[in-house]
């Protein structure tokens, strides 16, 4: 049975611990509403969350707001002890696979990089792909076939035109 990607807004330390324990892979968005960089990243993060729900894989995407971390300091303990990472600034995006050392996104915080992280995590699991990516492959194959047919037709037309010119 395939599992869809799980997206959740973390509200306490137990939720975070349970979700990380129940999933093979994870992506954590740690942000603050007052942070300018976070405000800039938020639209892409929301798009990514909506797109990811449709994908297949045992990946947990958790969003943790700074106020929750302040309210439940155990969340910081889980991140530092279990994931071996410290939240030193906002936004912080931590991702990884159970049993491996987690990574932190150091590049731009945009939709393209978020999708790259997700596809990297899915490749680690033996190449599980989303239905959307399989559909895209099929669609590109069909486009290539159509393009080949069109070029063949164009060649035939050119040949017939050349023959007609020669005959005149």
Protein backbone atom coordinates (compact mmCIF):
# COMPACT_ATOMS: atom_id res chain seq x y z
CA UNK A 1 0.00 0.00 0.00
CA UNK A 2 1.35 3.43 -0.93
CA UNK A 3 1.34 6.29 1.51
CA UNK A 4 0.75 9.88 0.55
CA UNK A 5 2.93 12.68 1.79
CA UNK A 6 1.73 13.96 5.16
CA UNK A 7 1.57 17.74 5.69
CA UNK A 8 0.92 19.09 9.18
CA UNK A 9 1.15 22.28 11.22
CA UNK A 10 2.91 21.24 14.44
CA UNK A 11 1.15 22.38 17.60
CA UNK A 12 3.18 20.62 20.33
CA UNK A 13 6.26 18.51 21.00
CA UNK A 14 4.40 15.17 21.07
CA UNK A 15 3.01 15.75 17.57
CA UNK A 16 6.49 16.42 16.21
CA UNK A 17 7.97 13.36 17.90
CA UNK A 18 5.13 11.08 16.71
CA UNK A 19 5.27 12.30 13.13
CA UNK A 20 9.04 11.93 12.86
CA UNK A 21 8.81 8.43 14.37
CA UNK A 22 5.99 7.38 12.00
CA UNK A 23 7.64 8.53 8.75
CA UNK A 24 10.81 7.46 6.96
CA UNK A 25 11.60 10.93 5.65
CA UNK A 26 10.81 14.47 6.79
CA UNK A 27 10.98 18.13 5.85
CA UNK A 28 10.58 20.71 8.61
CA UNK A 29 9.82 24.35 7.89
CA UNK A 30 10.66 26.40 10.97
CA UNK A 31 9.56 30.00 10.52
CA UNK A 32 8.42 33.20 12.23
CA UNK A 33 5.54 35.39 11.06
CA UNK A 34 7.47 38.58 11.89
CA UNK A 35 10.52 37.57 9.81
CA UNK A 36 10.86 39.24 6.40
CA UNK A 37 12.56 36.24 4.79
CA UNK A 38 9.79 33.98 6.12
CA UNK A 39 7.09 36.27 4.74
CA UNK A 40 8.81 36.12 1.35
CA UNK A 41 9.07 32.30 1.53
CA UNK A 42 5.50 31.67 2.78
CA UNK A 43 3.63 31.73 -0.60
CA UNK A 44 6.06 29.16 -2.05
CA UNK A 45 5.82 27.08 1.11
CA UNK A 46 1.99 27.06 0.87
CA UNK A 47 2.08 26.06 -2.83
CA UNK A 48 4.56 23.33 -2.02
CA UNK A 49 2.37 21.95 0.76
CA UNK A 50 -0.67 21.82 -1.56
CA UNK A 51 1.29 20.13 -4.37
CA UNK A 52 2.98 17.65 -2.04
CA UNK A 53 -0.26 16.18 -0.70
CA UNK A 54 -0.82 14.57 -4.12
CA UNK A 55 2.59 12.88 -4.16
CA UNK A 56 3.36 9.36 -2.99
CA UNK A 57 5.88 8.50 -0.31
CA UNK A 58 6.30 8.22 3.42
CA UNK A 59 7.40 11.83 3.77
CA UNK A 60 6.30 14.11 6.59
CA UNK A 61 6.23 17.85 5.96
CA UNK A 62 5.96 19.76 9.22
CA UNK A 63 5.56 23.48 9.73
CA UNK A 64 6.65 24.89 13.05
CA UNK A 65 6.04 28.50 13.99
CA UNK A 66 8.43 30.30 16.37
CA UNK A 67 5.63 30.99 18.89
CA UNK A 68 5.06 27.24 19.26
CA UNK A 69 8.77 26.69 19.89
CA UNK A 70 8.67 29.37 22.60
CA UNK A 71 5.53 27.86 24.11
CA UNK A 72 6.93 24.29 24.02
CA UNK A 73 10.73 24.34 24.46
CA UNK A 74 10.69 20.53 24.16
CA UNK A 75 10.38 21.05 20.41
CA UNK A 76 13.87 22.59 20.38
CA UNK A 77 15.12 19.61 22.38
CA UNK A 78 13.65 17.17 19.85
CA UNK A 79 15.20 19.07 16.95
CA UNK A 80 18.60 19.30 18.63
CA UNK A 81 18.77 15.78 20.10
CA UNK A 82 16.81 13.66 17.66
CA UNK A 83 17.67 15.53 14.45
CA UNK A 84 21.06 16.86 15.62
CA UNK A 85 20.30 20.37 14.34
CA UNK A 86 19.90 23.72 16.08
CA UNK A 87 17.52 26.47 15.03
CA UNK A 88 19.74 29.54 14.87
CA UNK A 89 17.63 31.74 12.61
CA UNK A 90 14.47 31.94 10.57
CA UNK A 91 13.50 30.42 8.22
CA UNK A 92 15.22 27.11 8.87
CA UNK A 93 14.42 24.14 6.64
CA UNK A 94 15.65 20.78 7.88
CA UNK A 95 15.18 17.59 5.87
CA UNK A 96 16.41 14.06 5.88
CA UNK A 97 15.82 10.35 6.12
CA UNK A 98 15.44 8.29 9.28
CA UNK A 99 18.85 7.00 10.36
CA UNK A 100 20.81 9.52 8.24
CA UNK A 101 22.22 12.87 9.29
CA UNK A 102 19.70 15.62 8.51
CA UNK A 103 20.51 18.38 6.06
CA UNK A 104 19.63 22.03 6.12
CA UNK A 105 18.56 23.99 3.04
CA UNK A 106 21.25 26.57 2.43
CA UNK A 107 20.13 27.90 -0.96
CA UNK A 108 17.14 29.98 -1.92
CA UNK A 109 13.93 29.15 -0.13
CA UNK A 110 11.66 28.81 -3.15
CA UNK A 111 9.26 26.32 -4.69
CA UNK A 112 11.90 24.88 -7.03
CA UNK A 113 14.27 24.03 -4.17
CA UNK A 114 11.44 22.63 -2.05
CA UNK A 115 10.49 20.29 -4.90
CA UNK A 116 14.16 19.36 -5.34
CA UNK A 117 14.32 18.35 -1.67
CA UNK A 118 11.20 16.21 -2.01
CA UNK A 119 12.45 14.49 -5.14
CA UNK A 120 15.84 13.89 -3.48
CA UNK A 121 14.11 12.26 -0.51
CA UNK A 122 11.98 10.11 -2.82
CA UNK A 123 15.07 8.99 -4.77
CA UNK A 124 16.71 7.90 -1.52
CA UNK A 125 13.86 5.49 -0.93
CA UNK A 126 14.49 3.51 -4.08
CA UNK A 127 12.92 5.82 -6.62
CA UNK A 128 9.33 6.15 -5.48
CA UNK A 129 7.81 8.65 -7.83
CA UNK A 130 4.67 10.67 -7.68
CA UNK A 131 1.76 10.01 -9.99
CA UNK A 132 2.24 13.51 -11.31
CA UNK A 133 5.83 12.81 -12.41
CA UNK A 134 4.74 9.58 -14.13
CA UNK A 135 2.02 11.52 -15.95
CA UNK A 136 4.56 14.15 -17.03
CA UNK A 137 6.86 11.48 -18.47
CA UNK A 138 4.01 10.00 -20.47
CA UNK A 139 2.99 13.45 -21.69
CA UNK A 140 6.52 14.32 -22.84
CA UNK A 141 6.81 11.02 -24.73
CA UNK A 142 3.56 11.79 -26.54
CA UNK A 143 4.83 15.26 -27.42
CA UNK A 144 8.05 13.84 -28.84
CA UNK A 145 6.10 11.36 -30.99
CA UNK A 146 3.85 14.15 -32.28
CA UNK A 147 6.87 16.28 -33.09
CA UNK A 148 8.50 13.42 -35.02
CA UNK A 149 5.31 12.91 -37.05
CA UNK A 150 5.16 16.61 -37.88
CA UNK A 151 8.77 16.71 -39.01
CA UNK A 152 8.21 13.65 -41.24
CA UNK A 153 5.20 15.33 -42.83
CA UNK A 154 7.20 18.52 -43.40
CA UNK A 155 10.00 16.55 -45.07
CA UNK A 156 7.54 14.81 -47.37
CA UNK A 157 6.01 18.16 -48.33
CA UNK A 158 9.46 19.62 -49.09
CA UNK A 159 10.35 16.63 -51.26
CA UNK A 160 7.10 16.88 -53.21
CA UNK A 161 7.65 20.64 -53.71
CA UNK A 162 11.17 20.05 -54.98
CA UNK A 163 9.86 17.40 -57.43
CA UNK A 164 7.15 19.78 -58.62
CA UNK A 165 9.71 22.55 -59.19
CA UNK A 166 12.00 20.19 -61.09
CA UNK A 167 9.11 19.03 -63.30
CA UNK A 168 8.21 22.64 -64.17
